[in-house]
Amino acid sequence: MRLGRPVIGGTRIGVHDILGLILTGSTVDEAGKSFPSITRAQVYESLAYYEDHKAEIDLAVAEQMAEIPA
């Protein structure tokens, strides 16, 4: 956990960071390349975590997207 949000084990990369990339059109491989310290399997694990915690992660993604200037 980082700032109350789930992260990929052993990293500071949030599950919401991965999901945000996927929702904006990145493929699993592209999402992994955006964070070279994680594996393709970890990207899939993040997506699996999302499936079990949709409401929590959707809120985090919405908050993250609101912070990005247009």
N, C-alpha and C. Protein backbone atom coordinates (compact mmCIF):
# COMPACT_ATOMS: atom_id res chain seq x y z
N MET A 1 0.85 -1.17 0.00
CA MET A 1 0.00 0.00 0.00
C MET A 1 0.90 1.25 0.00
N ARG A 2 0.46 2.24 -0.77
CA ARG A 2 1.13 3.54 -0.80
C ARG A 2 0.04 4.59 -0.75
N LEU A 3 0.10 5.42 0.26
CA LEU A 3 -0.91 6.45 0.44
C LEU A 3 -2.32 5.86 0.46
N GLY A 4 -2.45 4.68 1.05
CA GLY A 4 -3.73 4.02 1.15
C GLY A 4 -4.20 3.31 -0.11
N ARG A 5 -3.36 3.27 -1.11
CA ARG A 5 -3.73 2.63 -2.39
C ARG A 5 -2.84 1.41 -2.62
N PRO A 6 -3.40 0.36 -3.22
CA PRO A 6 -2.62 -0.85 -3.46
C PRO A 6 -1.54 -0.64 -4.53
N VAL A 7 -0.39 -1.24 -4.27
CA VAL A 7 0.73 -1.17 -5.21
C VAL A 7 1.17 -2.57 -5.60
N ILE A 8 1.92 -2.64 -6.67
CA ILE A 8 2.51 -3.91 -7.09
C ILE A 8 3.60 -4.25 -6.09
N GLY A 9 3.57 -5.48 -5.59
CA GLY A 9 4.51 -5.92 -4.57
C GLY A 9 5.96 -5.59 -4.91
N GLY A 10 6.66 -5.02 -3.93
CA GLY A 10 8.07 -4.70 -4.10
C GLY A 10 8.33 -3.44 -4.91
N THR A 11 7.26 -2.70 -5.26
CA THR A 11 7.42 -1.48 -6.03
C THR A 11 6.59 -0.37 -5.38
N ARG A 12 6.68 0.80 -5.95
CA ARG A 12 5.82 1.91 -5.54
C ARG A 12 4.80 2.23 -6.65
N ILE A 13 4.64 1.30 -7.57
CA ILE A 13 3.74 1.48 -8.70
C ILE A 13 2.33 1.05 -8.30
N GLY A 14 1.40 1.98 -8.39
CA GLY A 14 0.03 1.68 -7.99
C GLY A 14 -0.72 0.86 -9.02
N VAL A 15 -1.61 0.02 -8.51
CA VAL A 15 -2.49 -0.73 -9.40
C VAL A 15 -3.28 0.25 -10.26
N HIS A 16 -3.67 1.37 -9.67
CA HIS A 16 -4.42 2.37 -10.43
C HIS A 16 -3.58 2.98 -11.56
N ASP A 17 -2.26 3.03 -11.38
CA ASP A 17 -1.39 3.54 -12.45
C ASP A 17 -1.46 2.63 -13.67
N ILE A 18 -1.41 1.33 -13.43
CA ILE A 18 -1.49 0.36 -14.52
C ILE A 18 -2.86 0.45 -15.19
N LEU A 19 -3.89 0.45 -14.39
CA LEU A 19 -5.24 0.49 -14.95
C LEU A 19 -5.47 1.77 -15.74
N GLY A 20 -4.95 2.89 -15.24
CA GLY A 20 -5.09 4.15 -15.96
C GLY A 20 -4.51 4.06 -17.36
N LEU A 21 -3.37 3.40 -17.49
CA LEU A 21 -2.76 3.23 -18.82
C LEU A 21 -3.63 2.36 -19.72
N ILE A 22 -4.13 1.27 -19.16
CA ILE A 22 -4.97 0.37 -19.95
C ILE A 22 -6.24 1.08 -20.41
N LEU A 23 -6.85 1.85 -19.51
CA LEU A 23 -8.09 2.55 -19.86
C LEU A 23 -7.89 3.65 -20.89
N THR A 24 -6.68 4.14 -21.02
CA THR A 24 -6.41 5.18 -22.00
C THR A 24 -5.84 4.60 -23.30
N GLY A 25 -5.93 3.27 -23.44
CA GLY A 25 -5.58 2.66 -24.72
C GLY A 25 -4.28 1.90 -24.79
N SER A 26 -3.51 1.86 -23.72
CA SER A 26 -2.26 1.10 -23.74
C SER A 26 -2.55 -0.40 -23.70
N THR A 27 -1.70 -1.15 -24.35
CA THR A 27 -1.78 -2.61 -24.26
C THR A 27 -1.06 -3.04 -22.99
N VAL A 28 -1.18 -4.32 -22.66
CA VAL A 28 -0.47 -4.86 -21.50
C VAL A 28 1.03 -4.66 -21.68
N ASP A 29 1.53 -4.94 -22.89
CA ASP A 29 2.97 -4.76 -23.14
C ASP A 29 3.39 -3.31 -23.02
N GLU A 30 2.59 -2.40 -23.53
CA GLU A 30 2.92 -0.97 -23.44
C GLU A 30 2.90 -0.50 -21.99
N ALA A 31 1.93 -0.99 -21.22
CA ALA A 31 1.86 -0.62 -19.80
C ALA A 31 3.11 -1.10 -19.08
N GLY A 32 3.54 -2.32 -19.39
CA GLY A 32 4.76 -2.85 -18.78
C GLY A 32 5.99 -2.05 -19.16
N LYS A 33 6.06 -1.60 -20.40
CA LYS A 33 7.21 -0.81 -20.85
C LYS A 33 7.23 0.57 -20.20
N SER A 34 6.06 1.06 -19.79
CA SER A 34 6.01 2.35 -19.11
C SER A 34 6.66 2.27 -17.73
N PHE A 35 6.70 1.07 -17.18
CA PHE A 35 7.32 0.82 -15.88
C PHE A 35 8.28 -0.35 -16.03
N PRO A 36 9.50 -0.09 -16.50
CA PRO A 36 10.45 -1.17 -16.80
C PRO A 36 10.79 -2.09 -15.63
N SER A 37 10.50 -1.65 -14.40
CA SER A 37 10.85 -2.48 -13.24
C SER A 37 9.83 -3.57 -12.95
N ILE A 38 8.71 -3.61 -13.72
CA ILE A 38 7.72 -4.65 -13.48
C ILE A 38 7.66 -5.60 -14.67
N THR A 39 7.14 -6.78 -14.39
CA THR A 39 7.02 -7.80 -15.44
C THR A 39 5.62 -7.77 -16.05
N ARG A 40 5.50 -8.44 -17.15
CA ARG A 40 4.20 -8.57 -17.82
C ARG A 40 3.21 -9.27 -16.88
N ALA A 41 3.72 -10.26 -16.14
CA ALA A 41 2.87 -10.98 -15.18
C ALA A 41 2.34 -10.04 -14.11
N GLN A 42 3.16 -9.09 -13.68
CA GLN A 42 2.70 -8.14 -12.67
C GLN A 42 1.61 -7.21 -13.21
N VAL A 43 1.68 -6.90 -14.49
CA VAL A 43 0.61 -6.11 -15.11
C VAL A 43 -0.69 -6.91 -15.05
N TYR A 44 -0.62 -8.18 -15.41
CA TYR A 44 -1.81 -9.04 -15.35
C TYR A 44 -2.31 -9.21 -13.92
N GLU A 45 -1.39 -9.30 -12.96
CA GLU A 45 -1.80 -9.40 -11.55
C GLU A 45 -2.54 -8.14 -11.11
N SER A 46 -2.09 -7.00 -11.61
CA SER A 46 -2.77 -5.74 -11.31
C SER A 46 -4.19 -5.74 -11.86
N LEU A 47 -4.34 -6.25 -13.08
CA LEU A 47 -5.67 -6.33 -13.68
C LEU A 47 -6.57 -7.31 -12.92
N ALA A 48 -5.99 -8.40 -12.44
CA ALA A 48 -6.76 -9.36 -11.64
C ALA A 48 -7.18 -8.72 -10.32
N TYR A 49 -6.29 -7.97 -9.70
CA TYR A 49 -6.62 -7.27 -8.46
C TYR A 49 -7.78 -6.30 -8.72
N TYR A 50 -7.71 -5.62 -9.83
CA TYR A 50 -8.78 -4.69 -10.20
C TYR A 50 -10.13 -5.40 -10.28
N GLU A 51 -10.15 -6.57 -10.89
CA GLU A 51 -11.40 -7.32 -11.02
C GLU A 51 -12.04 -7.59 -9.67
N ASP A 52 -11.22 -7.75 -8.64
CA ASP A 52 -11.73 -8.03 -7.29
C ASP A 52 -12.01 -6.77 -6.47
N HIS A 53 -11.54 -5.62 -6.94
CA HIS A 53 -11.65 -4.37 -6.16
C HIS A 53 -12.01 -3.18 -7.06
N LYS A 54 -12.95 -3.38 -7.96
CA LYS A 54 -13.28 -2.38 -8.97
C LYS A 54 -13.62 -1.01 -8.39
N ALA A 55 -14.50 -0.94 -7.42
CA ALA A 55 -14.94 0.36 -6.89
C ALA A 55 -13.76 1.16 -6.33
N GLU A 56 -12.91 0.49 -5.58
CA GLU A 56 -11.74 1.14 -4.97
C GLU A 56 -10.78 1.68 -6.04
N ILE A 57 -10.50 0.87 -7.04
CA ILE A 57 -9.54 1.26 -8.07
C ILE A 57 -10.15 2.29 -9.02
N ASP A 58 -11.44 2.15 -9.35
CA ASP A 58 -12.10 3.14 -10.20
C ASP A 58 -12.01 4.53 -9.57
N LEU A 59 -12.20 4.61 -8.26
CA LEU A 59 -12.10 5.89 -7.57
C LEU A 59 -10.68 6.45 -7.67
N ALA A 60 -9.69 5.61 -7.46
CA ALA A 60 -8.29 6.06 -7.54
C ALA A 60 -7.94 6.53 -8.95
N VAL A 61 -8.43 5.81 -9.97
CA VAL A 61 -8.17 6.21 -11.36
C VAL A 61 -8.85 7.54 -11.65
N ALA A 62 -10.08 7.71 -11.20
CA ALA A 62 -10.81 8.97 -11.43
C ALA A 62 -10.08 10.14 -10.77
N GLU A 63 -9.59 9.93 -9.58
CA GLU A 63 -8.84 10.98 -8.88
C GLU A 63 -7.55 11.30 -9.63
N GLN A 64 -6.87 10.28 -10.13
CA GLN A 64 -5.63 10.47 -10.88
C GLN A 64 -5.90 11.23 -12.18
N MET A 65 -6.95 10.87 -12.88
CA MET A 65 -7.28 11.52 -14.15
C MET A 65 -7.68 12.98 -13.93
N ALA A 66 -8.31 13.26 -12.81
CA ALA A 66 -8.73 14.65 -12.51
C ALA A 66 -7.52 15.53 -12.26
N GLU A 67 -6.39 14.94 -11.86
CA GLU A 67 -5.18 15.70 -11.59
C GLU A 67 -4.41 16.06 -12.86
N ILE A 68 -4.70 15.39 -13.96
CA ILE A 68 -3.97 15.61 -15.21
C ILE A 68 -4.58 16.83 -15.93
N PRO A 69 -3.77 17.87 -16.19
CA PRO A 69 -4.30 19.04 -16.89
C PRO A 69 -4.68 18.70 -18.33
N ALA A 70 -5.74 19.31 -18.80
CA ALA A 70 -6.21 19.05 -20.16
C ALA A 70 -5.36 19.74 -21.19
